Structure formats: structure tokens, C-alpha cells
Amino acid sequence: MSAYAELCARTEAVVVGASAGGVQALSRLLPALPAGTKASLFVVLHLPRDRPSLVVEVFSRKCALAVSEAQDKEPVAPGTVYFAPPNYHLLIDRGPQLALSADEPVHHSRPSIDVLFESAAEIYRDRLLGVILTGANEDGAAGLAAVHDAGGVTVIQEPRTAQSSLMVLAALQRRSPDLVLPLPKIAELFGSLTHCAAPWRTA
């Protein structure tokens, strides 16, 4: 059994944030998710706002789990990877269900990593795993701090392995994470998510 299995045992949802270099990082991580993973995953990847995203098409071919673009008011399904659509913030509401917002950008970003992480922390509390990857702005630092303060597990990509280290360094300066790992170790962590808890629902 993986060294991360015990850590993953209480994980019911995972939030991931990435920007510059994020497609390459996610290409290493998301295919590591094994079939049978019960956790739901929510991903904000900073992409151009003015054209359709191809990430669902790209990652559907690579992943054992279902991959979809988040839809407003959609109930959260276990074992599914949800990407925030271009130019909309992705939030998690009670249910749990997805919500989309066209509120102002945060750190010049819409979707914002902070918005996703902060809303997910309110719903999942200590059953949440938050992961910050490579990126070139400070989006995600406040959100990962919210995951930490709610009792969730926090992971930051090792800065020397990031294509752009600004995002991970900002998160490191905001709160000390539970784990600082290179991508292969984060992939190993993701591979342990078959040991996660059964999905739950809020009223």
C-alpha cells in the first residue's frame, strides 16, 4: 500500500490549481488517477478567456476517470474530474453541487483558483485535498490557506520543479503546506486516492 494511503483515507474531494506550465503538469498527474477513485476532483487551469477550451477533450483521452467541463447547478459526482470553463469562476455549493460565476477576476484570473479553493474548503472542510502547481501569478495562495485553515491537506509542487515558480512560492509564503513534492510524488499521491472515503452529501 502507498505511503500516502492513510492520508488519502479521509479525502472526499481534491482541488487543483495551475497556470503557466499547468497543462504539462496535469498531463503527468491526472492520468495517475486510477479507475475506482471515489474522490471528486475540481481543476482551475488559467486559459485564454476568448476561445473555447480543449482541456476536456485532451484529458478525456488520457484519464481513467470521467472528465467534464463544469456546468452550473450540476450535482457533484464521485470519480469525476471537473474543469472550470473559460471566463467563469467555479465554486462548490452545498449538496454538493457546482456553481459558476461571472464575478470580477481575482488576481487578473477568471476562473480563479482562490475562489474554487475557498468555496470547496467551506463545504468539504477536513475532507479536502488542495494542490497548487506551477504558475506565474499569486492566485491560489489565499485559497490554499483556506484549505489549511479548514483542516484539509495541502500540497505544493516543489518550486524547483515548476515551469514557473511564482504561484507555488506565493502559496509557500502564505502558509506552510503539509507536503512539498515534485510531480512524480504528487502522481503517487493521486494514485492512492482509491483508498479515499466514500462520497457524502450535505443537506
N, C-alpha and C. Protein backbone atom coordinates (compact mmCIF):
# COMPACT_ATOMS: atom_id res chain seq x y z
N MET A 1 0.85 -1.19 0.00
CA MET A 1 0.00 0.00 0.00
C MET A 1 0.88 1.25 0.00
N SER A 2 0.49 2.31 -0.74
CA SER A 2 1.29 3.52 -0.84
C SER A 2 1.44 4.19 0.52
N ALA A 3 2.56 4.91 0.67
CA ALA A 3 2.78 5.67 1.89
C ALA A 3 1.74 6.75 2.09
N TYR A 4 1.04 7.12 1.00
CA TYR A 4 0.05 8.18 1.09
C TYR A 4 -1.36 7.65 1.35
N ALA A 5 -1.54 6.35 1.44
CA ALA A 5 -2.88 5.77 1.55
C ALA A 5 -3.61 6.27 2.79
N GLU A 6 -2.91 6.34 3.92
CA GLU A 6 -3.56 6.79 5.15
C GLU A 6 -3.99 8.24 5.03
N LEU A 7 -3.16 9.07 4.42
CA LEU A 7 -3.50 10.47 4.21
C LEU A 7 -4.75 10.60 3.34
N CYS A 8 -4.85 9.75 2.32
CA CYS A 8 -5.96 9.83 1.39
C CYS A 8 -7.25 9.24 1.95
N ALA A 9 -7.17 8.52 3.06
CA ALA A 9 -8.33 7.79 3.55
C ALA A 9 -9.51 8.70 3.85
N ARG A 10 -9.25 9.97 4.24
CA ARG A 10 -10.35 10.87 4.56
C ARG A 10 -10.66 11.84 3.43
N THR A 11 -9.97 11.71 2.31
CA THR A 11 -10.15 12.65 1.21
C THR A 11 -11.40 12.32 0.41
N GLU A 12 -12.31 13.28 0.30
CA GLU A 12 -13.52 13.10 -0.49
C GLU A 12 -13.56 14.02 -1.71
N ALA A 13 -12.67 15.02 -1.71
CA ALA A 13 -12.60 15.92 -2.86
C ALA A 13 -11.20 16.48 -2.95
N VAL A 14 -10.79 16.80 -4.18
CA VAL A 14 -9.47 17.36 -4.45
C VAL A 14 -9.66 18.61 -5.30
N VAL A 15 -8.99 19.70 -4.90
CA VAL A 15 -8.98 20.91 -5.72
C VAL A 15 -7.54 21.14 -6.20
N VAL A 16 -7.42 21.48 -7.47
CA VAL A 16 -6.10 21.65 -8.08
C VAL A 16 -6.08 22.99 -8.82
N GLY A 17 -5.02 23.74 -8.62
CA GLY A 17 -4.85 25.00 -9.33
C GLY A 17 -3.54 25.05 -10.07
N ALA A 18 -3.57 25.55 -11.30
CA ALA A 18 -2.36 25.63 -12.12
C ALA A 18 -2.50 26.77 -13.12
N SER A 19 -1.37 27.29 -13.55
CA SER A 19 -1.36 28.34 -14.57
C SER A 19 -0.28 28.02 -15.59
N ALA A 20 0.72 28.87 -15.74
CA ALA A 20 1.77 28.64 -16.73
C ALA A 20 2.46 27.30 -16.48
N GLY A 21 2.48 26.46 -17.50
CA GLY A 21 3.04 25.12 -17.38
C GLY A 21 2.05 24.10 -16.84
N GLY A 22 0.83 24.53 -16.61
CA GLY A 22 -0.16 23.65 -15.98
C GLY A 22 -0.61 22.47 -16.82
N VAL A 23 -0.72 22.66 -18.12
CA VAL A 23 -1.16 21.55 -18.97
C VAL A 23 -0.15 20.41 -18.88
N GLN A 24 1.13 20.74 -18.91
CA GLN A 24 2.15 19.71 -18.82
C GLN A 24 2.13 19.03 -17.45
N ALA A 25 1.97 19.82 -16.39
CA ALA A 25 1.93 19.23 -15.04
C ALA A 25 0.71 18.32 -14.88
N LEU A 26 -0.43 18.78 -15.32
CA LEU A 26 -1.65 17.98 -15.21
C LEU A 26 -1.57 16.73 -16.07
N SER A 27 -0.85 16.80 -17.17
CA SER A 27 -0.68 15.61 -18.02
C SER A 27 0.11 14.53 -17.31
N ARG A 28 0.89 14.92 -16.32
CA ARG A 28 1.61 13.94 -15.51
C ARG A 28 0.74 13.41 -14.36
N LEU A 29 -0.15 14.25 -13.86
CA LEU A 29 -0.89 13.91 -12.64
C LEU A 29 -2.23 13.23 -12.89
N LEU A 30 -3.04 13.79 -13.76
CA LEU A 30 -4.40 13.27 -13.90
C LEU A 30 -4.43 11.83 -14.43
N PRO A 31 -3.55 11.43 -15.36
CA PRO A 31 -3.55 10.02 -15.76
C PRO A 31 -3.15 9.06 -14.63
N ALA A 32 -2.58 9.59 -13.55
CA ALA A 32 -2.21 8.74 -12.41
C ALA A 32 -3.41 8.36 -11.56
N LEU A 33 -4.55 9.01 -11.78
CA LEU A 33 -5.76 8.70 -11.01
C LEU A 33 -6.31 7.35 -11.48
N PRO A 34 -6.37 6.36 -10.58
CA PRO A 34 -6.80 5.04 -11.02
C PRO A 34 -8.31 4.93 -11.15
N ALA A 35 -8.76 4.02 -12.03
CA ALA A 35 -10.19 3.70 -12.09
C ALA A 35 -10.62 3.23 -10.71
N GLY A 36 -11.81 3.62 -10.31
CA GLY A 36 -12.27 3.27 -8.97
C GLY A 36 -12.04 4.36 -7.95
N THR A 37 -11.37 5.46 -8.35
CA THR A 37 -11.22 6.59 -7.45
C THR A 37 -12.58 7.15 -7.09
N LYS A 38 -12.86 7.30 -5.81
CA LYS A 38 -14.16 7.81 -5.37
C LYS A 38 -14.19 9.33 -5.22
N ALA A 39 -13.04 9.92 -4.99
CA ALA A 39 -12.99 11.37 -4.79
C ALA A 39 -13.39 12.10 -6.06
N SER A 40 -13.99 13.28 -5.88
CA SER A 40 -14.25 14.20 -6.98
C SER A 40 -13.10 15.19 -7.07
N LEU A 41 -12.71 15.55 -8.29
CA LEU A 41 -11.61 16.49 -8.48
C LEU A 41 -12.09 17.71 -9.24
N PHE A 42 -11.65 18.88 -8.78
CA PHE A 42 -12.04 20.15 -9.39
C PHE A 42 -10.76 20.89 -9.75
N VAL A 43 -10.68 21.33 -11.00
CA VAL A 43 -9.43 21.90 -11.51
C VAL A 43 -9.68 23.29 -12.08
N VAL A 44 -8.87 24.25 -11.64
CA VAL A 44 -8.81 25.55 -12.30
C VAL A 44 -7.46 25.63 -13.00
N LEU A 45 -7.52 25.81 -14.30
CA LEU A 45 -6.34 26.00 -15.13
C LEU A 45 -6.51 27.32 -15.86
N HIS A 46 -5.61 28.26 -15.65
CA HIS A 46 -5.71 29.56 -16.30
C HIS A 46 -5.50 29.39 -17.80
N LEU A 47 -6.53 29.75 -18.56
CA LEU A 47 -6.50 29.64 -20.01
C LEU A 47 -7.02 30.92 -20.63
N PRO A 48 -6.76 31.16 -21.91
CA PRO A 48 -7.32 32.35 -22.56
C PRO A 48 -8.84 32.36 -22.46
N ARG A 49 -9.41 33.53 -22.18
CA ARG A 49 -10.86 33.64 -21.97
C ARG A 49 -11.66 33.73 -23.27
N ASP A 50 -10.95 34.05 -24.36
CA ASP A 50 -11.66 34.42 -25.58
C ASP A 50 -11.82 33.28 -26.58
N ARG A 51 -11.51 32.05 -26.16
CA ARG A 51 -11.73 30.93 -27.08
C ARG A 51 -12.06 29.67 -26.30
N PRO A 52 -12.77 28.72 -26.93
CA PRO A 52 -13.17 27.50 -26.23
C PRO A 52 -11.96 26.72 -25.73
N SER A 53 -12.15 26.05 -24.61
CA SER A 53 -11.08 25.22 -24.05
C SER A 53 -11.14 23.82 -24.64
N LEU A 54 -9.98 23.23 -24.86
CA LEU A 54 -9.89 21.86 -25.36
C LEU A 54 -9.43 20.89 -24.27
N VAL A 55 -9.37 21.36 -23.01
CA VAL A 55 -8.79 20.51 -21.97
C VAL A 55 -9.60 19.24 -21.72
N VAL A 56 -10.93 19.33 -21.81
CA VAL A 56 -11.75 18.14 -21.58
C VAL A 56 -11.46 17.10 -22.65
N GLU A 57 -11.39 17.53 -23.90
CA GLU A 57 -11.08 16.59 -24.99
C GLU A 57 -9.69 15.99 -24.80
N VAL A 58 -8.71 16.81 -24.43
CA VAL A 58 -7.34 16.33 -24.27
C VAL A 58 -7.24 15.34 -23.12
N PHE A 59 -7.80 15.69 -21.96
CA PHE A 59 -7.62 14.84 -20.79
C PHE A 59 -8.57 13.65 -20.75
N SER A 60 -9.66 13.71 -21.47
CA SER A 60 -10.54 12.54 -21.56
C SER A 60 -9.82 11.36 -22.18
N ARG A 61 -8.92 11.66 -23.12
CA ARG A 61 -8.16 10.59 -23.78
C ARG A 61 -7.07 10.01 -22.88
N LYS A 62 -6.67 10.77 -21.86
CA LYS A 62 -5.54 10.36 -21.03
C LYS A 62 -5.94 9.74 -19.70
N CYS A 63 -7.18 9.95 -19.27
CA CYS A 63 -7.57 9.63 -17.90
C CYS A 63 -8.50 8.42 -17.81
N ALA A 64 -8.35 7.68 -16.73
CA ALA A 64 -9.26 6.56 -16.46
C ALA A 64 -10.60 7.04 -15.92
N LEU A 65 -10.64 8.27 -15.38
CA LEU A 65 -11.87 8.82 -14.82
C LEU A 65 -12.62 9.64 -15.86
N ALA A 66 -13.90 9.87 -15.61
CA ALA A 66 -14.68 10.78 -16.44
C ALA A 66 -14.14 12.20 -16.27
N VAL A 67 -14.06 12.94 -17.38
CA VAL A 67 -13.57 14.32 -17.38
C VAL A 67 -14.62 15.18 -18.03
N SER A 68 -14.99 16.29 -17.38
CA SER A 68 -16.02 17.14 -17.96
C SER A 68 -15.76 18.60 -17.61
N GLU A 69 -16.39 19.49 -18.39
CA GLU A 69 -16.38 20.91 -18.08
C GLU A 69 -17.54 21.18 -17.12
N ALA A 70 -17.26 21.88 -16.05
CA ALA A 70 -18.27 22.11 -15.02
C ALA A 70 -19.46 22.88 -15.57
N GLN A 71 -20.65 22.48 -15.13
CA GLN A 71 -21.90 23.13 -15.51
C GLN A 71 -22.57 23.70 -14.26
N ASP A 72 -23.19 24.86 -14.39
CA ASP A 72 -23.85 25.49 -13.25
C ASP A 72 -24.97 24.61 -12.71
N LYS A 73 -25.03 24.48 -11.38
CA LYS A 73 -26.06 23.72 -10.65
C LYS A 73 -25.96 22.21 -10.86
N GLU A 74 -24.85 21.73 -11.41
CA GLU A 74 -24.67 20.29 -11.64
C GLU A 74 -24.29 19.60 -10.34
N PRO A 75 -24.99 18.53 -9.96
CA PRO A 75 -24.58 17.78 -8.76
C PRO A 75 -23.19 17.19 -8.96
N VAL A 76 -22.42 17.20 -7.89
CA VAL A 76 -21.06 16.65 -7.94
C VAL A 76 -21.14 15.13 -7.94
N ALA A 77 -20.46 14.50 -8.89
CA ALA A 77 -20.41 13.04 -8.98
C ALA A 77 -19.06 12.55 -8.50
N PRO A 78 -19.02 11.42 -7.81
CA PRO A 78 -17.73 10.87 -7.39
C PRO A 78 -16.94 10.36 -8.61
N GLY A 79 -15.64 10.30 -8.45
CA GLY A 79 -14.80 9.74 -9.50
C GLY A 79 -14.85 10.52 -10.80
N THR A 80 -15.00 11.83 -10.71
CA THR A 80 -15.10 12.69 -11.89
C THR A 80 -14.15 13.86 -11.75
N VAL A 81 -13.51 14.23 -12.86
CA VAL A 81 -12.63 15.39 -12.90
C VAL A 81 -13.40 16.53 -13.58
N TYR A 82 -13.59 17.63 -12.86
CA TYR A 82 -14.30 18.80 -13.39
C TYR A 82 -13.31 19.94 -13.64
N PHE A 83 -13.32 20.48 -14.87
CA PHE A 83 -12.53 21.65 -15.19
C PHE A 83 -13.43 22.88 -15.18
N ALA A 84 -12.93 23.97 -14.61
CA ALA A 84 -13.64 25.24 -14.70
C ALA A 84 -13.67 25.69 -16.16
N PRO A 85 -14.82 26.16 -16.65
CA PRO A 85 -14.87 26.65 -18.04
C PRO A 85 -14.17 27.99 -18.18
N PRO A 86 -13.70 28.33 -19.37
CA PRO A 86 -13.04 29.61 -19.57
C PRO A 86 -13.96 30.78 -19.19
N ASN A 87 -13.39 31.76 -18.50
CA ASN A 87 -14.05 33.03 -18.19
C ASN A 87 -15.16 32.91 -17.14
N TYR A 88 -15.21 31.81 -16.39
CA TYR A 88 -16.15 31.67 -15.28
C TYR A 88 -15.42 31.17 -14.05
N HIS A 89 -15.74 31.75 -12.91
CA HIS A 89 -15.29 31.18 -11.65
C HIS A 89 -16.07 29.89 -11.38
N LEU A 90 -15.39 28.88 -10.84
CA LEU A 90 -16.03 27.65 -10.42
C LEU A 90 -16.07 27.62 -8.89
N LEU A 91 -17.26 27.38 -8.33
CA LEU A 91 -17.45 27.28 -6.90
C LEU A 91 -18.13 25.96 -6.57
N ILE A 92 -18.01 25.53 -5.32
CA ILE A 92 -18.72 24.36 -4.82
C ILE A 92 -19.76 24.84 -3.82
N ASP A 93 -21.02 24.48 -4.05
CA ASP A 93 -22.12 24.82 -3.16
C ASP A 93 -22.55 23.61 -2.36
N ARG A 94 -23.44 23.85 -1.39
CA ARG A 94 -23.99 22.74 -0.61
C ARG A 94 -24.71 21.78 -1.53
N GLY A 95 -24.68 20.54 -1.18
CA GLY A 95 -25.29 19.45 -1.95
C GLY A 95 -24.43 18.20 -1.93
N PRO A 96 -23.17 18.23 -2.37
CA PRO A 96 -22.50 19.37 -3.03
C PRO A 96 -22.89 19.46 -4.51
N GLN A 97 -22.90 20.70 -5.01
CA GLN A 97 -23.14 20.92 -6.42
C GLN A 97 -22.22 22.03 -6.91
N LEU A 98 -22.07 22.09 -8.23
CA LEU A 98 -21.21 23.09 -8.85
C LEU A 98 -21.97 24.39 -9.05
N ALA A 99 -21.23 25.47 -9.04
CA ALA A 99 -21.80 26.78 -9.35
C ALA A 99 -20.79 27.56 -10.18
N LEU A 100 -21.29 28.32 -11.13
CA LEU A 100 -20.44 29.17 -11.97
C LEU A 100 -20.78 30.63 -11.71
N SER A 101 -19.76 31.48 -11.78
CA SER A 101 -19.94 32.90 -11.51
C SER A 101 -19.14 33.71 -12.52
N ALA A 102 -19.73 34.85 -12.93
CA ALA A 102 -19.03 35.79 -13.80
C ALA A 102 -18.59 37.02 -13.02
N ASP A 103 -18.39 36.88 -11.70
CA ASP A 103 -17.89 37.98 -10.89
C ASP A 103 -16.51 38.43 -11.38
N GLU A 104 -16.06 39.55 -10.85
CA GLU A 104 -14.80 40.14 -11.29
C GLU A 104 -13.62 39.15 -11.15
N PRO A 105 -12.64 39.24 -12.04
CA PRO A 105 -11.45 38.39 -11.90
C PRO A 105 -10.75 38.61 -10.57
N VAL A 106 -10.08 37.58 -10.10
CA VAL A 106 -9.26 37.64 -8.89
C VAL A 106 -7.81 37.39 -9.32
N HIS A 107 -6.90 38.29 -8.94
CA HIS A 107 -5.52 38.23 -9.44
C HIS A 107 -5.50 38.16 -10.96
N HIS A 108 -6.37 38.94 -11.58
CA HIS A 108 -6.49 39.03 -13.03
C HIS A 108 -6.95 37.71 -13.66
N SER A 109 -7.52 36.82 -12.88
CA SER A 109 -7.87 35.49 -13.37
C SER A 109 -9.36 35.19 -13.16
N ARG A 110 -9.98 34.73 -14.20
CA ARG A 110 -11.33 34.16 -14.12
C ARG A 110 -11.40 33.02 -15.12
N PRO A 111 -11.37 31.76 -14.65
CA PRO A 111 -11.60 31.29 -13.28
C PRO A 111 -10.43 31.57 -12.34
N SER A 112 -10.75 31.71 -11.06
CA SER A 112 -9.76 31.94 -10.03
C SER A 112 -9.57 30.69 -9.18
N ILE A 113 -8.32 30.37 -8.91
CA ILE A 113 -8.01 29.26 -8.01
C ILE A 113 -8.50 29.57 -6.60
N ASP A 114 -8.26 30.81 -6.15
CA ASP A 114 -8.70 31.19 -4.81
C ASP A 114 -10.20 30.96 -4.62
N VAL A 115 -11.00 31.38 -5.59
CA VAL A 115 -12.46 31.25 -5.49
C VAL A 115 -12.86 29.79 -5.34
N LEU A 116 -12.30 28.91 -6.16
CA LEU A 116 -12.62 27.48 -6.06
C LEU A 116 -12.20 26.92 -4.71
N PHE A 117 -10.95 27.16 -4.32
CA PHE A 117 -10.44 26.56 -3.10
C PHE A 117 -11.20 27.04 -1.86
N GLU A 118 -11.51 28.33 -1.81
CA GLU A 118 -12.21 28.86 -0.64
C GLU A 118 -13.62 28.30 -0.52
N SER A 119 -14.32 28.17 -1.65
CA SER A 119 -15.67 27.61 -1.59
C SER A 119 -15.64 26.12 -1.26
N ALA A 120 -14.67 25.39 -1.81
CA ALA A 120 -14.58 23.96 -1.52
C ALA A 120 -14.21 23.72 -0.06
N ALA A 121 -13.36 24.59 0.51
CA ALA A 121 -12.98 24.44 1.92
C ALA A 121 -14.19 24.58 2.83
N GLU A 122 -15.13 25.46 2.48
CA GLU A 122 -16.33 25.63 3.29
C GLU A 122 -17.20 24.38 3.27
N ILE A 123 -17.22 23.67 2.17
CA ILE A 123 -18.09 22.50 2.02
C ILE A 123 -17.42 21.24 2.55
N TYR A 124 -16.19 20.99 2.14
CA TYR A 124 -15.56 19.71 2.44
C TYR A 124 -14.71 19.72 3.72
N ARG A 125 -14.31 20.90 4.19
CA ARG A 125 -13.56 21.03 5.43
C ARG A 125 -12.33 20.12 5.46
N ASP A 126 -12.25 19.22 6.46
CA ASP A 126 -11.05 18.37 6.60
C ASP A 126 -11.05 17.17 5.67
N ARG A 127 -12.04 17.09 4.79
CA ARG A 127 -12.09 16.00 3.81
C ARG A 127 -11.57 16.43 2.44
N LEU A 128 -10.91 17.60 2.43
CA LEU A 128 -10.45 18.20 1.17
C LEU A 128 -8.93 18.13 1.06
N LEU A 129 -8.46 17.84 -0.15
CA LEU A 129 -7.04 17.89 -0.50
C LEU A 129 -6.85 19.02 -1.51
N GLY A 130 -5.97 19.97 -1.19
CA GLY A 130 -5.70 21.09 -2.08
C GLY A 130 -4.30 21.02 -2.64
N VAL A 131 -4.16 21.26 -3.95
CA VAL A 131 -2.87 21.12 -4.63
C VAL A 131 -2.62 22.36 -5.49
N ILE A 132 -1.49 23.03 -5.26
CA ILE A 132 -1.07 24.17 -6.08
C ILE A 132 0.12 23.75 -6.92
N LEU A 133 0.00 23.99 -8.23
CA LEU A 133 1.04 23.62 -9.19
C LEU A 133 1.66 24.88 -9.79
N THR A 134 2.49 24.67 -10.78
CA THR A 134 3.20 25.72 -11.48
C THR A 134 2.28 26.87 -11.92
N GLY A 135 2.80 28.09 -11.87
CA GLY A 135 2.02 29.24 -12.31
C GLY A 135 2.78 30.53 -12.13
N ALA A 136 2.33 31.58 -12.83
CA ALA A 136 3.09 32.83 -12.88
C ALA A 136 2.39 33.99 -12.19
N ASN A 137 1.39 33.72 -11.33
CA ASN A 137 0.85 34.80 -10.51
C ASN A 137 0.56 34.26 -9.11
N GLU A 138 -0.06 35.06 -8.25
CA GLU A 138 -0.25 34.69 -6.86
C GLU A 138 -1.61 34.05 -6.59
N ASP A 139 -2.40 33.81 -7.62
CA ASP A 139 -3.69 33.15 -7.43
C ASP A 139 -3.47 31.77 -6.82
N GLY A 140 -4.24 31.44 -5.80
CA GLY A 140 -4.13 30.14 -5.15
C GLY A 140 -3.54 30.19 -3.76
N ALA A 141 -2.75 31.23 -3.45
CA ALA A 141 -2.13 31.31 -2.13
C ALA A 141 -3.18 31.46 -1.04
N ALA A 142 -4.12 32.38 -1.22
CA ALA A 142 -5.18 32.57 -0.22
C ALA A 142 -6.09 31.34 -0.17
N GLY A 143 -6.36 30.75 -1.33
CA GLY A 143 -7.24 29.58 -1.38
C GLY A 143 -6.64 28.39 -0.67
N LEU A 144 -5.35 28.15 -0.86
CA LEU A 144 -4.72 27.02 -0.18
C LEU A 144 -4.67 27.27 1.32
N ALA A 145 -4.48 28.53 1.73
CA ALA A 145 -4.53 28.86 3.15
C ALA A 145 -5.90 28.55 3.73
N ALA A 146 -6.97 28.78 2.95
CA ALA A 146 -8.32 28.48 3.41
C ALA A 146 -8.50 26.97 3.59
N VAL A 147 -7.93 26.17 2.66
CA VAL A 147 -7.99 24.71 2.81
C VAL A 147 -7.27 24.30 4.09
N HIS A 148 -6.10 24.86 4.33
CA HIS A 148 -5.33 24.56 5.55
C HIS A 148 -6.14 24.92 6.79
N ASP A 149 -6.74 26.12 6.81
CA ASP A 149 -7.45 26.59 7.99
C ASP A 149 -8.72 25.78 8.25
N ALA A 150 -9.27 25.15 7.21
CA ALA A 150 -10.46 24.30 7.36
C ALA A 150 -10.10 22.89 7.80
N GLY A 151 -8.81 22.57 7.90
CA GLY A 151 -8.38 21.25 8.32
C GLY A 151 -8.05 20.31 7.20
N GLY A 152 -8.08 20.81 5.93
CA GLY A 152 -7.75 19.96 4.80
C GLY A 152 -6.25 19.75 4.66
N VAL A 153 -5.88 18.86 3.75
CA VAL A 153 -4.48 18.57 3.47
C VAL A 153 -4.02 19.47 2.32
N THR A 154 -2.83 20.07 2.47
CA THR A 154 -2.33 21.00 1.47
C THR A 154 -1.02 20.50 0.88
N VAL A 155 -0.93 20.62 -0.45
CA VAL A 155 0.23 20.14 -1.20
C VAL A 155 0.67 21.23 -2.18
N ILE A 156 1.96 21.47 -2.24
CA ILE A 156 2.53 22.44 -3.18
C ILE A 156 3.60 21.74 -4.00
N GLN A 157 3.60 22.01 -5.30
CA GLN A 157 4.65 21.47 -6.16
C GLN A 157 6.00 22.06 -5.75
N GLU A 158 7.01 21.22 -5.69
CA GLU A 158 8.35 21.67 -5.33
C GLU A 158 8.79 22.79 -6.30
N PRO A 159 9.08 23.99 -5.77
CA PRO A 159 9.32 25.13 -6.66
C PRO A 159 10.37 24.90 -7.73
N ARG A 160 11.43 24.17 -7.42
CA ARG A 160 12.49 23.96 -8.41
C ARG A 160 12.02 23.12 -9.58
N THR A 161 10.91 22.40 -9.42
CA THR A 161 10.39 21.56 -10.50
C THR A 161 9.28 22.23 -11.29
N ALA A 162 8.88 23.43 -10.87
CA ALA A 162 7.79 24.13 -11.54
C ALA A 162 8.31 24.90 -12.75
N GLN A 163 7.55 24.87 -13.83
CA GLN A 163 7.94 25.65 -15.01
C GLN A 163 7.98 27.13 -14.66
N SER A 164 7.02 27.57 -13.85
CA SER A 164 7.01 28.93 -13.31
C SER A 164 6.75 28.83 -11.81
N SER A 165 7.64 29.35 -11.00
CA SER A 165 7.58 29.09 -9.55
C SER A 165 6.84 30.16 -8.76
N LEU A 166 6.39 31.25 -9.38
CA LEU A 166 5.79 32.35 -8.63
C LEU A 166 4.58 31.89 -7.83
N MET A 167 3.72 31.09 -8.43
CA MET A 167 2.49 30.68 -7.76
C MET A 167 2.78 29.79 -6.56
N VAL A 168 3.68 28.84 -6.71
CA VAL A 168 3.96 27.93 -5.60
C VAL A 168 4.72 28.66 -4.49
N LEU A 169 5.60 29.59 -4.85
CA LEU A 169 6.31 30.35 -3.83
C LEU A 169 5.37 31.25 -3.05
N ALA A 170 4.39 31.86 -3.72
CA ALA A 170 3.41 32.69 -3.02
C ALA A 170 2.60 31.86 -2.04
N ALA A 171 2.22 30.64 -2.45
CA ALA A 171 1.48 29.75 -1.54
C ALA A 171 2.34 29.33 -0.36
N LEU A 172 3.61 29.05 -0.61
CA LEU A 172 4.53 28.68 0.46
C LEU A 172 4.69 29.79 1.48
N GLN A 173 4.74 31.03 1.02
CA GLN A 173 4.91 32.16 1.92
C GLN A 173 3.67 32.43 2.75
N ARG A 174 2.51 32.05 2.21
CA ARG A 174 1.24 32.32 2.92
C ARG A 174 1.01 31.36 4.08
N ARG A 175 1.25 30.05 3.86
CA ARG A 175 1.09 29.03 4.89
C ARG A 175 2.09 27.91 4.60
N SER A 176 2.57 27.27 5.65
CA SER A 176 3.40 26.08 5.47
C SER A 176 2.49 24.91 5.09
N PRO A 177 2.71 24.28 3.93
CA PRO A 177 1.84 23.18 3.50
C PRO A 177 2.18 21.89 4.21
N ASP A 178 1.29 20.93 4.10
CA ASP A 178 1.57 19.60 4.65
C ASP A 178 2.68 18.91 3.87
N LEU A 179 2.69 19.10 2.55
CA LEU A 179 3.66 18.42 1.70
C LEU A 179 4.15 19.36 0.61
N VAL A 180 5.44 19.32 0.33
CA VAL A 180 6.04 19.98 -0.84
C VAL A 180 6.69 18.87 -1.65
N LEU A 181 6.15 18.63 -2.85
CA LEU A 181 6.52 17.43 -3.59
C LEU A 181 6.80 17.73 -5.07
N PRO A 182 7.72 17.02 -5.69
CA PRO A 182 7.85 17.07 -7.15
C PRO A 182 6.69 16.32 -7.80
N LEU A 183 6.50 16.53 -9.07
CA LEU A 183 5.35 15.94 -9.76
C LEU A 183 5.26 14.42 -9.61
N PRO A 184 6.36 13.65 -9.72
CA PRO A 184 6.21 12.20 -9.58
C PRO A 184 5.63 11.78 -8.23
N LYS A 185 5.97 12.52 -7.17
CA LYS A 185 5.43 12.19 -5.86
C LYS A 185 3.96 12.62 -5.72
N ILE A 186 3.59 13.72 -6.37
CA ILE A 186 2.18 14.10 -6.37
C ILE A 186 1.38 13.07 -7.16
N ALA A 187 1.94 12.55 -8.25
CA ALA A 187 1.28 11.49 -9.01
C ALA A 187 1.09 10.25 -8.14
N GLU A 188 2.09 9.92 -7.32
CA GLU A 188 1.95 8.79 -6.41
C GLU A 188 0.83 9.04 -5.40
N LEU A 189 0.76 10.26 -4.91
CA LEU A 189 -0.33 10.64 -4.01
C LEU A 189 -1.69 10.46 -4.68
N PHE A 190 -1.81 10.92 -5.92
CA PHE A 190 -3.07 10.76 -6.66
C PHE A 190 -3.40 9.29 -6.86
N GLY A 191 -2.38 8.49 -7.07
CA GLY A 191 -2.61 7.06 -7.25
C GLY A 191 -3.16 6.38 -6.01
N SER A 192 -3.01 7.03 -4.85
CA SER A 192 -3.51 6.48 -3.60
C SER A 192 -4.97 6.84 -3.34
N LEU A 193 -5.59 7.63 -4.21
CA LEU A 193 -6.94 8.10 -3.94
C LEU A 193 -8.00 7.00 -4.04
N THR A 194 -7.63 5.81 -4.49
CA THR A 194 -8.58 4.69 -4.42
C THR A 194 -8.88 4.33 -2.97
N HIS A 195 -8.05 4.78 -2.04
CA HIS A 195 -8.25 4.50 -0.62
C HIS A 195 -9.09 5.57 0.06
N CYS A 196 -9.64 6.52 -0.73
CA CYS A 196 -10.35 7.62 -0.11
C CYS A 196 -11.71 7.19 0.43
N ALA A 197 -12.28 8.08 1.25
CA ALA A 197 -13.56 7.79 1.88
C ALA A 197 -14.69 7.79 0.86
N ALA A 198 -15.80 7.18 1.23
CA ALA A 198 -16.98 7.16 0.37
C ALA A 198 -17.54 8.57 0.22
N PRO A 199 -18.11 8.92 -0.92
CA PRO A 199 -18.67 10.26 -1.09
C PRO A 199 -19.79 10.52 -0.08
N TRP A 200 -20.00 11.79 0.19
CA TRP A 200 -21.04 12.18 1.13
C TRP A 200 -21.80 13.34 0.50
N ARG A 201 -22.91 13.68 1.11
CA ARG A 201 -23.70 14.80 0.60
C ARG A 201 -24.14 15.67 1.76
N THR A 202 -24.19 16.99 1.51
CA THR A 202 -24.70 17.92 2.52
C THR A 202 -26.18 18.16 2.29
N ALA A 203 -26.82 18.63 3.29
CA ALA A 203 -28.27 18.89 3.18
C ALA A 203 -28.54 20.08 2.30
